[in-house]
Amino acid sequence: MRCVIARLKSNAWVPKSMESQLLGLGVLLGAVTLVAGLAFAYPSDHKDWMACAKDDDCTSVELGCYYWQPVNRKHAAEMKTQGPPACSASVPSGPQPLVHCLHQVCENDYRGRDWHYHGDELVDQRIDSCLEAAGLTINWRAERAQYDGLHSTYMQRITKVIRENPSAADKRLEYIIASEMPCEAVTAKAKSFTKQSQ
């Protein structure tokens, strides 16, 4: 702690008693943040908030960092106040996407132009859904170093497709991702990484 303060102000001196108070304050703030984080309502807690009958029922609210949460308009205020607060000052969420009612659930309609903002999260979701559909219980996110090629290969491939095809800007990202990440290929690649690590 003393080192950090000294770097900020080269001639600073921090008494030992103050150093321990600052350290204690840091621990306290960390604990409060953790407890507050556990108190938030998350979208998975309230699937009824995302139910819809038509497109006009849906909107999205900015939650957490870099994320727009689709929600039924009736529950938008609740989702915004009970969800994790947006950290838009440090990490902007990008432009608000269109939201549609698909299969009676409000969903973001990301397009190729949104790739820069949402590519990572959508590739991760595709990998998760492919592994789940194949019945594979690989915790690839926890072992990211071992499976990094799984994520990065598809990120590079889709980035290239979007850059090289101007018409991709208006295409739905879910279709671009599905065409570049067929589940059979994703699961085969995940299995190959698993075999390499054994």
N, C-alpha and C. Protein backbone atom coordinates (compact mmCIF):
# COMPACT_ATOMS: atom_id res chain seq x y z
N MET A 1 0.83 -1.18 0.00
CA MET A 1 0.00 0.00 0.00
C MET A 1 0.88 1.25 0.00
N ARG A 2 1.91 1.21 0.85
CA ARG A 2 2.82 2.35 0.94
C ARG A 2 3.48 2.60 -0.41
N CYS A 3 3.82 1.52 -1.10
CA CYS A 3 4.48 1.61 -2.39
C CYS A 3 3.56 2.28 -3.42
N VAL A 4 2.29 1.93 -3.41
CA VAL A 4 1.33 2.50 -4.35
C VAL A 4 1.17 3.99 -4.11
N ILE A 5 1.01 4.38 -2.85
CA ILE A 5 0.84 5.79 -2.52
C ILE A 5 2.12 6.56 -2.85
N ALA A 6 3.26 5.97 -2.58
CA ALA A 6 4.54 6.62 -2.86
C ALA A 6 4.71 6.85 -4.36
N ARG A 7 4.23 5.93 -5.17
CA ARG A 7 4.34 6.11 -6.61
C ARG A 7 3.46 7.26 -7.08
N LEU A 8 2.32 7.45 -6.44
CA LEU A 8 1.44 8.54 -6.82
C LEU A 8 2.05 9.88 -6.45
N LYS A 9 2.72 9.91 -5.32
CA LYS A 9 3.33 11.15 -4.84
C LYS A 9 4.71 10.78 -4.32
N SER A 10 5.74 11.15 -5.05
CA SER A 10 7.08 10.64 -4.78
C SER A 10 7.59 10.94 -3.37
N ASN A 11 7.17 12.02 -2.76
CA ASN A 11 7.68 12.33 -1.43
C ASN A 11 6.67 11.97 -0.33
N ALA A 12 5.70 11.11 -0.65
CA ALA A 12 4.68 10.74 0.33
C ALA A 12 5.24 9.77 1.36
N TRP A 13 4.80 9.93 2.59
CA TRP A 13 5.14 9.00 3.66
C TRP A 13 3.84 8.58 4.32
N VAL A 14 3.65 7.28 4.49
CA VAL A 14 2.41 6.77 5.08
C VAL A 14 2.74 6.09 6.39
N PRO A 15 2.20 6.59 7.51
CA PRO A 15 2.46 5.94 8.80
C PRO A 15 1.90 4.52 8.80
N LYS A 16 2.55 3.63 9.54
CA LYS A 16 2.13 2.23 9.62
C LYS A 16 0.66 2.10 10.01
N SER A 17 0.22 2.90 11.00
CA SER A 17 -1.17 2.79 11.46
C SER A 17 -2.15 3.16 10.35
N MET A 18 -1.80 4.14 9.53
CA MET A 18 -2.67 4.54 8.43
C MET A 18 -2.67 3.47 7.34
N GLU A 19 -1.51 2.85 7.12
CA GLU A 19 -1.41 1.79 6.11
C GLU A 19 -2.37 0.65 6.44
N SER A 20 -2.42 0.22 7.70
CA SER A 20 -3.31 -0.87 8.08
C SER A 20 -4.77 -0.44 8.00
N GLN A 21 -5.05 0.84 8.28
CA GLN A 21 -6.43 1.33 8.16
C GLN A 21 -6.87 1.33 6.70
N LEU A 22 -5.97 1.76 5.81
CA LEU A 22 -6.30 1.75 4.38
C LEU A 22 -6.50 0.33 3.87
N LEU A 23 -5.66 -0.58 4.32
CA LEU A 23 -5.80 -1.98 3.92
C LEU A 23 -7.13 -2.53 4.43
N GLY A 24 -7.48 -2.22 5.67
CA GLY A 24 -8.76 -2.66 6.24
C GLY A 24 -9.94 -2.09 5.47
N LEU A 25 -9.83 -0.83 5.07
CA LEU A 25 -10.88 -0.20 4.29
C LEU A 25 -11.05 -0.89 2.94
N GLY A 26 -9.93 -1.25 2.32
CA GLY A 26 -9.97 -1.97 1.05
C GLY A 26 -10.66 -3.31 1.18
N VAL A 27 -10.36 -4.04 2.24
CA VAL A 27 -11.00 -5.34 2.48
C VAL A 27 -12.49 -5.15 2.70
N LEU A 28 -12.86 -4.13 3.49
CA LEU A 28 -14.26 -3.85 3.76
C LEU A 28 -15.01 -3.50 2.48
N LEU A 29 -14.43 -2.63 1.65
CA LEU A 29 -15.07 -2.26 0.38
C LEU A 29 -15.23 -3.48 -0.53
N GLY A 30 -14.23 -4.33 -0.56
CA GLY A 30 -14.32 -5.55 -1.36
C GLY A 30 -15.45 -6.45 -0.89
N ALA A 31 -15.59 -6.60 0.42
CA ALA A 31 -16.66 -7.44 0.97
C ALA A 31 -18.03 -6.85 0.68
N VAL A 32 -18.16 -5.53 0.82
CA VAL A 32 -19.44 -4.87 0.53
C VAL A 32 -19.80 -5.05 -0.94
N THR A 33 -18.82 -4.91 -1.82
CA THR A 33 -19.06 -5.09 -3.25
C THR A 33 -19.51 -6.51 -3.55
N LEU A 34 -18.87 -7.49 -2.93
CA LEU A 34 -19.24 -8.88 -3.14
C LEU A 34 -20.65 -9.15 -2.67
N VAL A 35 -21.00 -8.69 -1.47
CA VAL A 35 -22.34 -8.90 -0.93
C VAL A 35 -23.37 -8.19 -1.79
N ALA A 36 -23.07 -6.96 -2.23
CA ALA A 36 -24.00 -6.22 -3.08
C ALA A 36 -24.20 -6.95 -4.40
N GLY A 37 -23.13 -7.52 -4.95
CA GLY A 37 -23.24 -8.27 -6.19
C GLY A 37 -24.15 -9.47 -6.06
N LEU A 38 -24.14 -10.11 -4.90
CA LEU A 38 -25.00 -11.26 -4.68
C LEU A 38 -26.46 -10.86 -4.53
N ALA A 39 -26.72 -9.60 -4.20
CA ALA A 39 -28.08 -9.13 -3.96
C ALA A 39 -28.79 -8.73 -5.25
N PHE A 40 -28.07 -8.61 -6.37
CA PHE A 40 -28.70 -8.20 -7.62
C PHE A 40 -29.57 -9.31 -8.18
N ALA A 41 -30.62 -8.88 -8.89
CA ALA A 41 -31.44 -9.83 -9.65
C ALA A 41 -30.75 -10.02 -10.99
N TYR A 42 -30.60 -11.24 -11.42
CA TYR A 42 -30.01 -11.52 -12.71
C TYR A 42 -31.09 -12.03 -13.65
N PRO A 43 -30.92 -11.83 -14.96
CA PRO A 43 -31.95 -12.23 -15.92
C PRO A 43 -32.39 -13.69 -15.75
N SER A 44 -31.47 -14.56 -15.42
CA SER A 44 -31.83 -15.97 -15.26
C SER A 44 -32.76 -16.19 -14.07
N ASP A 45 -32.78 -15.22 -13.13
CA ASP A 45 -33.67 -15.31 -11.98
C ASP A 45 -35.11 -14.97 -12.34
N HIS A 46 -35.29 -14.23 -13.43
CA HIS A 46 -36.62 -13.71 -13.79
C HIS A 46 -36.91 -13.94 -15.27
N LYS A 47 -37.02 -15.17 -15.69
CA LYS A 47 -37.30 -15.46 -17.09
C LYS A 47 -38.65 -14.87 -17.52
N ASP A 48 -39.59 -14.74 -16.55
CA ASP A 48 -40.89 -14.15 -16.87
C ASP A 48 -40.76 -12.69 -17.29
N TRP A 49 -39.70 -12.02 -16.89
CA TRP A 49 -39.48 -10.63 -17.28
C TRP A 49 -39.12 -10.53 -18.76
N MET A 50 -38.73 -11.63 -19.37
CA MET A 50 -38.33 -11.62 -20.78
C MET A 50 -39.39 -12.22 -21.70
N ALA A 51 -40.52 -12.67 -21.12
CA ALA A 51 -41.60 -13.27 -21.92
C ALA A 51 -42.29 -12.19 -22.75
N CYS A 52 -42.74 -12.58 -23.95
CA CYS A 52 -43.39 -11.61 -24.84
C CYS A 52 -44.35 -12.31 -25.77
N ALA A 53 -45.22 -11.51 -26.39
CA ALA A 53 -46.14 -12.02 -27.40
C ALA A 53 -45.84 -11.40 -28.77
N LYS A 54 -45.25 -10.18 -28.75
CA LYS A 54 -44.94 -9.49 -30.00
C LYS A 54 -43.70 -8.60 -29.80
N ASP A 55 -43.12 -8.15 -30.92
CA ASP A 55 -41.90 -7.33 -30.86
C ASP A 55 -42.08 -6.09 -30.00
N ASP A 56 -43.24 -5.45 -30.08
CA ASP A 56 -43.48 -4.21 -29.32
C ASP A 56 -43.43 -4.42 -27.81
N ASP A 57 -43.53 -5.66 -27.35
CA ASP A 57 -43.44 -5.94 -25.91
C ASP A 57 -42.01 -5.79 -25.40
N CYS A 58 -41.02 -5.80 -26.30
CA CYS A 58 -39.61 -5.92 -25.92
C CYS A 58 -38.83 -4.62 -26.00
N THR A 59 -37.85 -4.50 -25.13
CA THR A 59 -36.84 -3.45 -25.16
C THR A 59 -35.58 -4.04 -24.55
N SER A 60 -34.56 -3.23 -24.34
CA SER A 60 -33.37 -3.72 -23.64
C SER A 60 -32.89 -2.64 -22.69
N VAL A 61 -32.27 -3.08 -21.60
CA VAL A 61 -31.71 -2.15 -20.61
C VAL A 61 -30.24 -2.45 -20.44
N GLU A 62 -29.48 -1.41 -20.15
CA GLU A 62 -28.03 -1.56 -19.98
C GLU A 62 -27.75 -2.10 -18.58
N LEU A 63 -27.10 -3.26 -18.50
CA LEU A 63 -26.76 -3.88 -17.22
C LEU A 63 -25.29 -4.26 -17.23
N GLY A 64 -24.66 -4.17 -16.07
CA GLY A 64 -23.27 -4.62 -15.95
C GLY A 64 -22.37 -3.91 -16.94
N CYS A 65 -21.31 -4.58 -17.33
CA CYS A 65 -20.35 -4.00 -18.25
C CYS A 65 -20.54 -4.57 -19.65
N TYR A 66 -20.67 -3.69 -20.60
CA TYR A 66 -20.68 -4.09 -22.01
C TYR A 66 -21.87 -4.96 -22.35
N TYR A 67 -23.06 -4.70 -21.78
CA TYR A 67 -24.15 -5.62 -22.01
C TYR A 67 -25.51 -4.94 -22.05
N TRP A 68 -26.32 -5.30 -23.03
CA TRP A 68 -27.71 -4.88 -23.12
C TRP A 68 -28.57 -6.11 -22.85
N GLN A 69 -29.42 -6.03 -21.83
CA GLN A 69 -30.28 -7.15 -21.46
C GLN A 69 -31.66 -6.98 -22.09
N PRO A 70 -32.09 -7.93 -22.94
CA PRO A 70 -33.45 -7.85 -23.47
C PRO A 70 -34.45 -8.11 -22.35
N VAL A 71 -35.58 -7.40 -22.39
CA VAL A 71 -36.58 -7.52 -21.32
C VAL A 71 -37.94 -7.05 -21.84
N ASN A 72 -39.01 -7.56 -21.26
CA ASN A 72 -40.35 -7.08 -21.57
C ASN A 72 -40.47 -5.66 -21.03
N ARG A 73 -41.06 -4.77 -21.81
CA ARG A 73 -41.17 -3.36 -21.41
C ARG A 73 -41.81 -3.19 -20.03
N LYS A 74 -42.74 -4.06 -19.69
CA LYS A 74 -43.43 -3.97 -18.39
C LYS A 74 -42.46 -4.14 -17.23
N HIS A 75 -41.36 -4.85 -17.46
CA HIS A 75 -40.41 -5.15 -16.39
C HIS A 75 -39.07 -4.43 -16.54
N ALA A 76 -38.99 -3.50 -17.50
CA ALA A 76 -37.72 -2.81 -17.77
C ALA A 76 -37.22 -2.05 -16.54
N ALA A 77 -38.10 -1.34 -15.87
CA ALA A 77 -37.69 -0.55 -14.70
C ALA A 77 -37.20 -1.47 -13.59
N GLU A 78 -37.91 -2.57 -13.37
CA GLU A 78 -37.49 -3.54 -12.33
C GLU A 78 -36.13 -4.12 -12.66
N MET A 79 -35.94 -4.51 -13.92
CA MET A 79 -34.67 -5.11 -14.34
C MET A 79 -33.53 -4.11 -14.14
N LYS A 80 -33.79 -2.86 -14.49
CA LYS A 80 -32.74 -1.85 -14.39
C LYS A 80 -32.37 -1.56 -12.94
N THR A 81 -33.36 -1.52 -12.05
CA THR A 81 -33.06 -1.20 -10.65
C THR A 81 -32.56 -2.41 -9.87
N GLN A 82 -32.99 -3.60 -10.24
CA GLN A 82 -32.58 -4.79 -9.49
C GLN A 82 -31.41 -5.52 -10.10
N GLY A 83 -31.04 -5.18 -11.32
CA GLY A 83 -29.90 -5.83 -11.97
C GLY A 83 -28.61 -5.13 -11.60
N PRO A 84 -27.46 -5.70 -12.00
CA PRO A 84 -26.18 -5.05 -11.72
C PRO A 84 -26.10 -3.72 -12.46
N PRO A 85 -25.59 -2.66 -11.82
CA PRO A 85 -25.56 -1.35 -12.47
C PRO A 85 -24.60 -1.33 -13.66
N ALA A 86 -24.91 -0.49 -14.63
CA ALA A 86 -24.06 -0.35 -15.81
C ALA A 86 -22.77 0.35 -15.42
N CYS A 87 -21.67 -0.06 -16.03
CA CYS A 87 -20.39 0.61 -15.77
C CYS A 87 -19.98 1.35 -17.04
N SER A 88 -20.90 2.13 -17.57
CA SER A 88 -20.70 2.78 -18.86
C SER A 88 -19.58 3.81 -18.87
N ALA A 89 -19.19 4.31 -17.70
CA ALA A 89 -18.09 5.29 -17.69
C ALA A 89 -16.77 4.63 -18.09
N SER A 90 -16.58 3.37 -17.69
CA SER A 90 -15.32 2.71 -18.00
C SER A 90 -15.42 1.77 -19.19
N VAL A 91 -16.55 1.12 -19.35
CA VAL A 91 -16.71 0.15 -20.44
C VAL A 91 -18.08 0.35 -21.07
N PRO A 92 -18.19 1.14 -22.13
CA PRO A 92 -19.49 1.39 -22.73
C PRO A 92 -20.09 0.14 -23.35
N SER A 93 -21.41 0.04 -23.33
CA SER A 93 -22.10 -1.14 -23.83
C SER A 93 -22.29 -1.15 -25.33
N GLY A 94 -21.87 -0.11 -26.00
CA GLY A 94 -22.07 -0.05 -27.43
C GLY A 94 -23.50 0.37 -27.75
N PRO A 95 -23.84 0.46 -29.03
CA PRO A 95 -25.18 0.92 -29.39
C PRO A 95 -26.25 -0.07 -28.94
N GLN A 96 -27.39 0.45 -28.54
CA GLN A 96 -28.48 -0.40 -28.10
C GLN A 96 -29.00 -1.20 -29.30
N PRO A 97 -29.06 -2.52 -29.18
CA PRO A 97 -29.51 -3.33 -30.31
C PRO A 97 -31.03 -3.30 -30.44
N LEU A 98 -31.50 -3.68 -31.61
CA LEU A 98 -32.93 -3.93 -31.78
C LEU A 98 -33.26 -5.15 -30.94
N VAL A 99 -34.49 -5.23 -30.48
CA VAL A 99 -34.92 -6.39 -29.70
C VAL A 99 -36.18 -6.94 -30.34
N HIS A 100 -36.23 -8.26 -30.51
CA HIS A 100 -37.40 -8.90 -31.11
C HIS A 100 -37.95 -9.96 -30.16
N CYS A 101 -39.21 -10.29 -30.37
CA CYS A 101 -39.84 -11.37 -29.64
C CYS A 101 -39.68 -12.64 -30.48
N LEU A 102 -38.79 -13.52 -30.06
CA LEU A 102 -38.54 -14.77 -30.78
C LEU A 102 -38.89 -15.94 -29.87
N HIS A 103 -39.77 -16.79 -30.33
CA HIS A 103 -40.21 -17.95 -29.54
C HIS A 103 -40.74 -17.52 -28.17
N GLN A 104 -41.45 -16.39 -28.16
CA GLN A 104 -42.08 -15.82 -26.96
C GLN A 104 -41.08 -15.37 -25.89
N VAL A 105 -39.87 -15.03 -26.33
CA VAL A 105 -38.83 -14.51 -25.43
C VAL A 105 -38.19 -13.30 -26.11
N CYS A 106 -38.00 -12.22 -25.36
CA CYS A 106 -37.32 -11.04 -25.90
C CYS A 106 -35.84 -11.36 -26.09
N GLU A 107 -35.34 -11.10 -27.31
CA GLU A 107 -33.93 -11.38 -27.62
C GLU A 107 -33.33 -10.23 -28.40
N ASN A 108 -32.06 -9.95 -28.13
CA ASN A 108 -31.34 -8.91 -28.86
C ASN A 108 -31.15 -9.34 -30.30
N ASP A 109 -31.27 -8.40 -31.20
CA ASP A 109 -31.08 -8.65 -32.63
C ASP A 109 -29.75 -8.02 -33.04
N TYR A 110 -28.66 -8.70 -32.74
CA TYR A 110 -27.34 -8.18 -33.09
C TYR A 110 -27.07 -8.43 -34.57
N ARG A 111 -26.44 -7.44 -35.20
CA ARG A 111 -26.08 -7.52 -36.62
C ARG A 111 -24.56 -7.55 -36.75
N GLY A 112 -24.09 -7.80 -37.95
CA GLY A 112 -22.65 -7.84 -38.20
C GLY A 112 -21.93 -6.59 -37.71
N ARG A 113 -22.57 -5.44 -37.82
CA ARG A 113 -21.96 -4.18 -37.37
C ARG A 113 -21.76 -4.15 -35.85
N ASP A 114 -22.46 -5.03 -35.11
CA ASP A 114 -22.34 -5.10 -33.65
C ASP A 114 -21.24 -6.06 -33.20
N TRP A 115 -20.56 -6.70 -34.14
CA TRP A 115 -19.57 -7.73 -33.82
C TRP A 115 -18.50 -7.21 -32.86
N HIS A 116 -18.03 -6.01 -33.10
CA HIS A 116 -16.97 -5.41 -32.26
C HIS A 116 -17.40 -5.37 -30.79
N TYR A 117 -18.68 -5.09 -30.56
CA TYR A 117 -19.17 -4.95 -29.19
C TYR A 117 -19.56 -6.27 -28.54
N HIS A 118 -20.05 -7.22 -29.31
CA HIS A 118 -20.66 -8.41 -28.71
C HIS A 118 -20.11 -9.75 -29.20
N GLY A 119 -19.09 -9.71 -30.04
CA GLY A 119 -18.55 -10.94 -30.60
C GLY A 119 -18.09 -11.95 -29.56
N ASP A 120 -17.29 -11.49 -28.59
CA ASP A 120 -16.78 -12.41 -27.55
C ASP A 120 -17.90 -13.15 -26.85
N GLU A 121 -18.88 -12.39 -26.38
CA GLU A 121 -19.98 -13.00 -25.62
C GLU A 121 -20.78 -13.98 -26.48
N LEU A 122 -21.01 -13.64 -27.75
CA LEU A 122 -21.82 -14.51 -28.62
C LEU A 122 -21.07 -15.78 -29.03
N VAL A 123 -19.77 -15.67 -29.24
CA VAL A 123 -18.97 -16.87 -29.55
C VAL A 123 -18.95 -17.79 -28.33
N ASP A 124 -18.78 -17.23 -27.15
CA ASP A 124 -18.82 -18.04 -25.92
C ASP A 124 -20.16 -18.75 -25.77
N GLN A 125 -21.26 -18.03 -26.03
CA GLN A 125 -22.59 -18.64 -25.92
C GLN A 125 -22.76 -19.77 -26.93
N ARG A 126 -22.23 -19.58 -28.15
CA ARG A 126 -22.34 -20.62 -29.18
C ARG A 126 -21.55 -21.87 -28.76
N ILE A 127 -20.35 -21.68 -28.24
CA ILE A 127 -19.55 -22.82 -27.78
C ILE A 127 -20.30 -23.56 -26.67
N ASP A 128 -20.83 -22.81 -25.71
CA ASP A 128 -21.59 -23.42 -24.61
C ASP A 128 -22.78 -24.23 -25.13
N SER A 129 -23.55 -23.64 -26.04
CA SER A 129 -24.75 -24.34 -26.52
C SER A 129 -24.40 -25.57 -27.35
N CYS A 130 -23.32 -25.51 -28.12
CA CYS A 130 -22.89 -26.67 -28.91
C CYS A 130 -22.43 -27.81 -28.00
N LEU A 131 -21.63 -27.47 -26.99
CA LEU A 131 -21.14 -28.51 -26.08
C LEU A 131 -22.30 -29.13 -25.30
N GLU A 132 -23.25 -28.28 -24.87
CA GLU A 132 -24.41 -28.78 -24.14
C GLU A 132 -25.26 -29.70 -25.01
N ALA A 133 -25.49 -29.30 -26.27
CA ALA A 133 -26.30 -30.11 -27.20
C ALA A 133 -25.64 -31.46 -27.46
N ALA A 134 -24.31 -31.49 -27.44
CA ALA A 134 -23.58 -32.74 -27.68
C ALA A 134 -23.44 -33.58 -26.40
N GLY A 135 -23.92 -33.04 -25.29
CA GLY A 135 -23.82 -33.76 -24.02
C GLY A 135 -22.43 -33.77 -23.42
N LEU A 136 -21.59 -32.82 -23.84
CA LEU A 136 -20.22 -32.73 -23.31
C LEU A 136 -20.20 -31.83 -22.09
N THR A 137 -19.57 -32.28 -21.05
CA THR A 137 -19.46 -31.47 -19.83
C THR A 137 -18.03 -30.97 -19.67
N ILE A 138 -17.62 -30.16 -20.61
CA ILE A 138 -16.28 -29.57 -20.58
C ILE A 138 -16.42 -28.17 -20.01
N ASN A 139 -15.71 -27.90 -18.94
CA ASN A 139 -15.74 -26.57 -18.34
C ASN A 139 -14.64 -25.73 -18.98
N TRP A 140 -14.81 -25.44 -20.26
CA TRP A 140 -13.77 -24.79 -21.04
C TRP A 140 -13.48 -23.37 -20.57
N ARG A 141 -14.45 -22.70 -19.96
CA ARG A 141 -14.21 -21.32 -19.49
C ARG A 141 -13.26 -21.32 -18.29
N ALA A 142 -13.43 -22.30 -17.40
CA ALA A 142 -12.57 -22.38 -16.22
C ALA A 142 -11.14 -22.76 -16.61
N GLU A 143 -11.02 -23.51 -17.68
CA GLU A 143 -9.70 -23.95 -18.15
C GLU A 143 -9.36 -23.23 -19.45
N ARG A 144 -9.53 -21.92 -19.44
CA ARG A 144 -9.41 -21.08 -20.63
C ARG A 144 -8.05 -21.24 -21.32
N ALA A 145 -6.99 -21.37 -20.54
CA ALA A 145 -5.66 -21.49 -21.15
C ALA A 145 -5.58 -22.73 -22.03
N GLN A 146 -6.14 -23.83 -21.55
CA GLN A 146 -6.12 -25.08 -22.30
C GLN A 146 -6.98 -25.01 -23.56
N TYR A 147 -8.11 -24.30 -23.47
CA TYR A 147 -9.07 -24.25 -24.57
C TYR A 147 -9.06 -22.92 -25.31
N ASP A 148 -8.03 -22.11 -25.13
CA ASP A 148 -8.01 -20.79 -25.74
C ASP A 148 -8.17 -20.83 -27.25
N GLY A 149 -7.57 -21.80 -27.89
CA GLY A 149 -7.69 -21.92 -29.34
C GLY A 149 -9.11 -22.14 -29.80
N LEU A 150 -9.92 -22.72 -28.94
CA LEU A 150 -11.33 -22.96 -29.27
C LEU A 150 -12.04 -21.63 -29.51
N HIS A 151 -11.86 -20.70 -28.61
CA HIS A 151 -12.49 -19.38 -28.71
C HIS A 151 -11.81 -18.52 -29.78
N SER A 152 -10.50 -18.43 -29.72
CA SER A 152 -9.77 -17.50 -30.59
C SER A 152 -9.88 -17.88 -32.07
N THR A 153 -9.91 -19.18 -32.37
CA THR A 153 -10.04 -19.61 -33.77
C THR A 153 -11.30 -19.06 -34.39
N TYR A 154 -12.41 -19.17 -33.67
CA TYR A 154 -13.69 -18.69 -34.21
C TYR A 154 -13.78 -17.17 -34.20
N MET A 155 -13.19 -16.52 -33.22
CA MET A 155 -13.18 -15.06 -33.20
C MET A 155 -12.46 -14.53 -34.45
N GLN A 156 -11.30 -15.11 -34.76
CA GLN A 156 -10.53 -14.68 -35.92
C GLN A 156 -11.28 -14.96 -37.22
N ARG A 157 -11.86 -16.14 -37.31
CA ARG A 157 -12.57 -16.53 -38.53
C ARG A 157 -13.75 -15.59 -38.79
N ILE A 158 -14.56 -15.34 -37.78
CA ILE A 158 -15.75 -14.50 -37.97
C ILE A 158 -15.37 -13.04 -38.19
N THR A 159 -14.34 -12.57 -37.51
CA THR A 159 -13.86 -11.20 -37.75
C THR A 159 -13.47 -11.03 -39.21
N LYS A 160 -12.77 -12.02 -39.74
CA LYS A 160 -12.34 -11.97 -41.14
C LYS A 160 -13.55 -11.96 -42.08
N VAL A 161 -14.53 -12.82 -41.83
CA VAL A 161 -15.73 -12.88 -42.67
C VAL A 161 -16.45 -11.53 -42.68
N ILE A 162 -16.59 -10.92 -41.52
CA ILE A 162 -17.31 -9.64 -41.43
C ILE A 162 -16.52 -8.52 -42.10
N ARG A 163 -15.20 -8.51 -41.93
CA ARG A 163 -14.36 -7.48 -42.57
C ARG A 163 -14.37 -7.58 -44.08
N GLU A 164 -14.33 -8.81 -44.59
CA GLU A 164 -14.20 -9.01 -46.03
C GLU A 164 -15.52 -8.97 -46.78
N ASN A 165 -16.63 -8.96 -46.08
CA ASN A 165 -17.94 -8.95 -46.74
C ASN A 165 -18.76 -7.76 -46.24
N PRO A 166 -18.77 -6.67 -46.99
CA PRO A 166 -19.51 -5.48 -46.55
C PRO A 166 -20.99 -5.76 -46.26
N SER A 167 -21.58 -6.71 -46.97
CA SER A 167 -23.01 -7.01 -46.74
C SER A 167 -23.24 -7.67 -45.37
N ALA A 168 -22.18 -8.17 -44.74
CA ALA A 168 -22.31 -8.83 -43.44
C ALA A 168 -22.75 -7.85 -42.35
N ALA A 169 -22.52 -6.56 -42.55
CA ALA A 169 -22.89 -5.56 -41.54
C ALA A 169 -24.37 -5.60 -41.21
N ASP A 170 -25.21 -5.95 -42.18
CA ASP A 170 -26.65 -5.97 -41.97
C ASP A 170 -27.21 -7.36 -41.68
N LYS A 171 -26.38 -8.37 -41.70
CA LYS A 171 -26.86 -9.74 -41.43
C LYS A 171 -26.91 -9.99 -39.93
N ARG A 172 -27.83 -10.83 -39.53
CA ARG A 172 -27.94 -11.17 -38.11
C ARG A 172 -26.71 -11.94 -37.68
N LEU A 173 -26.13 -11.53 -36.56
CA LEU A 173 -24.91 -12.19 -36.06
C LEU A 173 -25.15 -13.66 -35.75
N GLU A 174 -26.33 -14.00 -35.24
CA GLU A 174 -26.57 -15.40 -34.90
C GLU A 174 -26.45 -16.30 -36.14
N TYR A 175 -26.85 -15.78 -37.32
CA TYR A 175 -26.74 -16.57 -38.55
C TYR A 175 -25.29 -16.67 -39.02
N ILE A 176 -24.56 -15.55 -38.91
CA ILE A 176 -23.14 -15.55 -39.30
C ILE A 176 -22.38 -16.53 -38.40
N ILE A 177 -22.63 -16.45 -37.10
CA ILE A 177 -21.93 -17.31 -36.15
C ILE A 177 -22.28 -18.78 -36.39
N ALA A 178 -23.56 -19.07 -36.60
CA ALA A 178 -23.98 -20.46 -36.83
C ALA A 178 -23.34 -21.02 -38.11
N SER A 179 -23.23 -20.18 -39.16
CA SER A 179 -22.64 -20.70 -40.40
C SER A 179 -21.14 -20.91 -40.28
N GLU A 180 -20.46 -20.09 -39.46
CA GLU A 180 -19.02 -20.21 -39.29
C GLU A 180 -18.63 -21.14 -38.13
N MET A 181 -19.60 -21.47 -37.29
CA MET A 181 -19.34 -22.33 -36.13
C MET A 181 -20.36 -23.47 -36.07
N PRO A 182 -20.37 -24.37 -37.07
CA PRO A 182 -21.30 -25.49 -36.98
C PRO A 182 -20.97 -26.31 -35.72
N CYS A 183 -21.99 -26.73 -35.01
CA CYS A 183 -21.77 -27.41 -33.73
C CYS A 183 -20.89 -28.65 -33.86
N GLU A 184 -21.00 -29.37 -34.97
CA GLU A 184 -20.17 -30.57 -35.14
C GLU A 184 -18.69 -30.19 -35.10
N ALA A 185 -18.34 -29.08 -35.76
CA ALA A 185 -16.94 -28.64 -35.79
C ALA A 185 -16.51 -28.13 -34.41
N VAL A 186 -17.39 -27.42 -33.73
CA VAL A 186 -17.06 -26.89 -32.40
C VAL A 186 -16.78 -28.03 -31.42
N THR A 187 -17.66 -29.04 -31.42
CA THR A 187 -17.48 -30.16 -30.47
C THR A 187 -16.24 -30.98 -30.83
N ALA A 188 -15.98 -31.17 -32.13
CA ALA A 188 -14.78 -31.92 -32.54
C ALA A 188 -13.53 -31.17 -32.08
N LYS A 189 -13.53 -29.84 -32.24
CA LYS A 189 -12.38 -29.05 -31.83
C LYS A 189 -12.20 -29.11 -30.32
N ALA A 190 -13.30 -29.03 -29.57
CA ALA A 190 -13.22 -29.12 -28.10
C ALA A 190 -12.67 -30.46 -27.66
N LYS A 191 -13.11 -31.53 -28.32
CA LYS A 191 -12.60 -32.88 -28.00
C LYS A 191 -11.12 -32.98 -28.31
N SER A 192 -10.67 -32.34 -29.40
CA SER A 192 -9.24 -32.41 -29.75
C SER A 192 -8.40 -31.70 -28.69
N PHE A 193 -8.89 -30.59 -28.16
CA PHE A 193 -8.15 -29.90 -27.09
C PHE A 193 -8.11 -30.76 -25.83
N THR A 194 -9.20 -31.47 -25.56
CA THR A 194 -9.27 -32.34 -24.39
C THR A 194 -8.24 -33.47 -24.51
N LYS A 195 -8.13 -34.08 -25.71
CA LYS A 195 -7.18 -35.17 -25.94
C LYS A 195 -5.73 -34.68 -25.81
N GLN A 196 -5.46 -33.46 -26.31
CA GLN A 196 -4.10 -32.90 -26.23
C GLN A 196 -3.65 -32.72 -24.80
N SER A 197 -4.60 -32.41 -23.92
CA SER A 197 -4.23 -32.14 -22.52
C SER A 197 -4.05 -33.41 -21.69
N GLN A 198 -4.48 -34.55 -22.24
CA GLN A 198 -4.38 -35.80 -21.46
C GLN A 198 -3.06 -36.49 -21.66
